[in-house]
Amino acid sequence: MERVINLLYDIEEKANQIVKRANEEKAKLHEKLQEDMESLDKKITADNALKLEQLKVQAEKELNQEMENLTNDCIKHIAFMDENYQKNHTSLTDRIVNEVISS
């Protein structure tokens, strides 16, 4: 009988050791998971910041190009109007004077 009790005691001790090791392993895995999650969060944050910066640079570049295109279009339009005025200012002036006199 004593032998059975000793065997049961040994079994219980081994079971307690197994549970203890399992809990320790569980705690280690939980800690590792937390570290991995934090690392992943930092990586995602850094990647997002980099992508946002790239998008910002690209948008700024596109806006500058569009502004340059609009400026060039305005310059061309003003040059065309000036050229038209230089060629036709006498006839335009005569038309305006005639309309004023006719009124």
C-alpha atoms as a PDB file:
ATOM      1  CA  MET A   1       0.000   0.000   0.000  1.00  0.00           C
ATOM      2  CA  GLU A   2       2.807   2.338   0.872  1.00  0.00           C
ATOM      3  CA  ARG A   3       4.320   1.622  -2.520  1.00  0.00           C
ATOM      4  CA  VAL A   4       1.084   2.642  -4.251  1.00  0.00           C
ATOM      5  CA  ILE A   5       0.973   5.845  -2.225  1.00  0.00           C
ATOM      6  CA  ASN A   6       4.598   6.574  -3.125  1.00  0.00           C
ATOM      7  CA  LEU A   7       3.850   5.908  -6.811  1.00  0.00           C
ATOM      8  CA  LEU A   8       0.816   8.187  -6.667  1.00  0.00           C
ATOM      9  CA  TYR A   9       2.905  10.844  -4.933  1.00  0.00           C
ATOM     10  CA  ASP A  10       5.614  10.536  -7.629  1.00  0.00           C
ATOM     11  CA  ILE A  11       2.981  10.753 -10.354  1.00  0.00           C
ATOM     12  CA  GLU A  12       1.479  13.850  -8.755  1.00  0.00           C
ATOM     13  CA  GLU A  13       4.933  15.441  -8.408  1.00  0.00           C
ATOM     14  CA  LYS A  14       5.716  14.762 -12.059  1.00  0.00           C
ATOM     15  CA  ALA A  15       2.309  16.081 -13.082  1.00  0.00           C
ATOM     16  CA  ASN A  16       2.930  19.245 -11.043  1.00  0.00           C
ATOM     17  CA  GLN A  17       6.332  19.675 -12.687  1.00  0.00           C
ATOM     18  CA  ILE A  18       4.777  19.219 -16.129  1.00  0.00           C
ATOM     19  CA  VAL A  19       2.078  21.804 -15.331  1.00  0.00           C
ATOM     20  CA  LYS A  20       4.724  24.169 -13.949  1.00  0.00           C
ATOM     21  CA  ARG A  21       6.881  23.828 -17.093  1.00  0.00           C
ATOM     22  CA  ALA A  22       3.806  24.250 -19.277  1.00  0.00           C
ATOM     23  CA  ASN A  23       2.886  27.461 -17.429  1.00  0.00           C
ATOM     24  CA  GLU A  24       6.457  28.736 -17.727  1.00  0.00           C
ATOM     25  CA  GLU A  25       6.467  27.915 -21.452  1.00  0.00           C
ATOM     26  CA  LYS A  26       3.084  29.598 -21.807  1.00  0.00           C
ATOM     27  CA  ALA A  27       4.439  32.737 -20.111  1.00  0.00           C
ATOM     28  CA  LYS A  28       7.520  32.720 -22.365  1.00  0.00           C
ATOM     29  CA  LEU A  29       5.369  32.294 -25.471  1.00  0.00           C
ATOM     30  CA  HIS A  30       3.077  35.104 -24.323  1.00  0.00           C
ATOM     31  CA  GLU A  31       6.061  37.397 -23.756  1.00  0.00           C
ATOM     32  CA  LYS A  32       7.515  36.462 -27.157  1.00  0.00           C
ATOM     33  CA  LEU A  33       4.147  37.122 -28.783  1.00  0.00           C
ATOM     34  CA  GLN A  34       3.969  40.555 -27.124  1.00  0.00           C
ATOM     35  CA  GLU A  35       7.488  41.396 -28.334  1.00  0.00           C
ATOM     36  CA  ASP A  36       6.651  40.219 -31.855  1.00  0.00           C
ATOM     37  CA  MET A  37       3.444  42.275 -31.856  1.00  0.00           C
ATOM     38  CA  GLU A  38       5.299  45.398 -30.711  1.00  0.00           C
ATOM     39  CA  SER A  39       7.963  44.818 -33.337  1.00  0.00           C
ATOM     40  CA  LEU A  40       5.314  44.343 -36.021  1.00  0.00           C
ATOM     41  CA  ASP A  41       3.504  47.514 -34.902  1.00  0.00           C
ATOM     42  CA  LYS A  42       6.741  49.498 -35.110  1.00  0.00           C
ATOM     43  CA  LYS A  43       7.531  48.081 -38.544  1.00  0.00           C
ATOM     44  CA  ILE A  44       4.035  48.854 -39.853  1.00  0.00           C
ATOM     45  CA  THR A  45       4.214  52.372 -38.419  1.00  0.00           C
ATOM     46  CA  ALA A  46       7.610  52.958 -40.026  1.00  0.00           C
ATOM     47  CA  ASP A  47       6.414  51.538 -43.363  1.00  0.00           C
ATOM     48  CA  ASN A  48       3.313  53.733 -43.278  1.00  0.00           C
ATOM     49  CA  ALA A  49       5.364  56.826 -42.458  1.00  0.00           C
ATOM     50  CA  LEU A  50       7.703  56.060 -45.359  1.00  0.00           C
ATOM     51  CA  LYS A  51       4.820  55.507 -47.777  1.00  0.00           C
ATOM     52  CA  LEU A  52       3.114  58.713 -46.611  1.00  0.00           C
ATOM     53  CA  GLU A  53       6.326  60.657 -47.121  1.00  0.00           C
ATOM     54  CA  GLN A  54       6.729  59.181 -50.611  1.00  0.00           C
ATOM     55  CA  LEU A  55       3.124  60.073 -51.461  1.00  0.00           C
ATOM     56  CA  LYS A  56       3.650  63.582 -50.115  1.00  0.00           C
ATOM     57  CA  VAL A  57       6.785  64.046 -52.227  1.00  0.00           C
ATOM     58  CA  GLN A  58       5.030  62.668 -55.302  1.00  0.00           C
ATOM     59  CA  ALA A  59       1.972  64.890 -54.771  1.00  0.00           C
ATOM     60  CA  GLU A  60       4.183  67.940 -54.279  1.00  0.00           C
ATOM     61  CA  LYS A  61       6.107  67.102 -57.439  1.00  0.00           C
ATOM     62  CA  GLU A  62       2.867  66.706 -59.408  1.00  0.00           C
ATOM     63  CA  LEU A  63       1.501  69.976 -58.005  1.00  0.00           C
ATOM     64  CA  ASN A  64       4.692  71.811 -58.933  1.00  0.00           C
ATOM     65  CA  GLN A  65       4.536  70.355 -62.445  1.00  0.00           C
ATOM     66  CA  GLU A  66       0.877  71.366 -62.791  1.00  0.00           C
ATOM     67  CA  MET A  67       1.666  74.865 -61.517  1.00  0.00           C
ATOM     68  CA  GLU A  68       4.517  75.140 -64.013  1.00  0.00           C
ATOM     69  CA  ASN A  69       2.211  73.990 -66.822  1.00  0.00           C
ATOM     70  CA  LEU A  70      -0.450  76.528 -65.830  1.00  0.00           C
ATOM     71  CA  THR A  71       2.160  79.291 -65.628  1.00  0.00           C
ATOM     72  CA  ASN A  72       3.473  78.393 -69.076  1.00  0.00           C
ATOM     73  CA  ASP A  73      -0.072  78.347 -70.476  1.00  0.00           C
ATOM     74  CA  CYS A  74      -0.751  81.786 -68.990  1.00  0.00           C
ATOM     75  CA  ILE A  75       2.496  83.159 -70.405  1.00  0.00           C
ATOM     76  CA  LYS A  76       1.611  81.767 -73.853  1.00  0.00           C
ATOM     77  CA  HIS A  77      -1.894  83.204 -73.629  1.00  0.00           C
ATOM     78  CA  ILE A  78      -0.594  86.627 -72.582  1.00  0.00           C
ATOM     79  CA  ALA A  79       1.992  86.544 -75.387  1.00  0.00           C
ATOM     80  CA  PHE A  80      -0.740  85.652 -77.885  1.00  0.00           C
ATOM     81  CA  MET A  81      -2.956  88.471 -76.614  1.00  0.00           C
ATOM     82  CA  ASP A  82      -0.047  90.925 -76.739  1.00  0.00           C
ATOM     83  CA  GLU A  83       0.845  89.824 -80.260  1.00  0.00           C
ATOM     84  CA  ASN A  84      -2.796  90.148 -81.316  1.00  0.00           C
ATOM     85  CA  TYR A  85      -2.930  93.617 -79.783  1.00  0.00           C
ATOM     86  CA  GLN A  86       0.317  94.669 -81.495  1.00  0.00           C
ATOM     87  CA  LYS A  87      -0.975  93.476 -84.885  1.00  0.00           C
ATOM     88  CA  ASN A  88      -4.515  94.760 -84.553  1.00  0.00           C
ATOM     89  CA  HIS A  89      -4.422  97.644 -82.092  1.00  0.00           C
ATOM     90  CA  THR A  90      -5.093 100.253 -84.786  1.00  0.00           C
ATOM     91  CA  SER A  91      -8.106  98.438 -86.191  1.00  0.00           C
ATOM     92  CA  LEU A  92      -9.384  97.633 -82.688  1.00  0.00           C
ATOM     93  CA  THR A  93      -9.039 101.262 -81.668  1.00  0.00           C
ATOM     94  CA  ASP A  94     -10.826 102.405 -84.820  1.00  0.00           C
ATOM     95  CA  ARG A  95     -13.701  99.958 -84.161  1.00  0.00           C
ATOM     96  CA  ILE A  96     -14.074 101.166 -80.587  1.00  0.00           C
ATOM     97  CA  VAL A  97     -14.029 104.820 -81.640  1.00  0.00           C
ATOM     98  CA  ASN A  98     -16.590 104.127 -84.377  1.00  0.00           C
ATOM     99  CA  GLU A  99     -18.875 102.325 -81.957  1.00  0.00           C
ATOM    100  CA  VAL A 100     -18.617 105.138 -79.439  1.00  0.00           C
ATOM    101  CA  ILE A 101     -19.342 107.737 -82.147  1.00  0.00           C
ATOM    102  CA  SER A 102     -22.218 105.657 -83.555  1.00  0.00           C
ATOM    103  CA  SER A 103     -23.911 105.355 -80.183  1.00  0.00           C
END
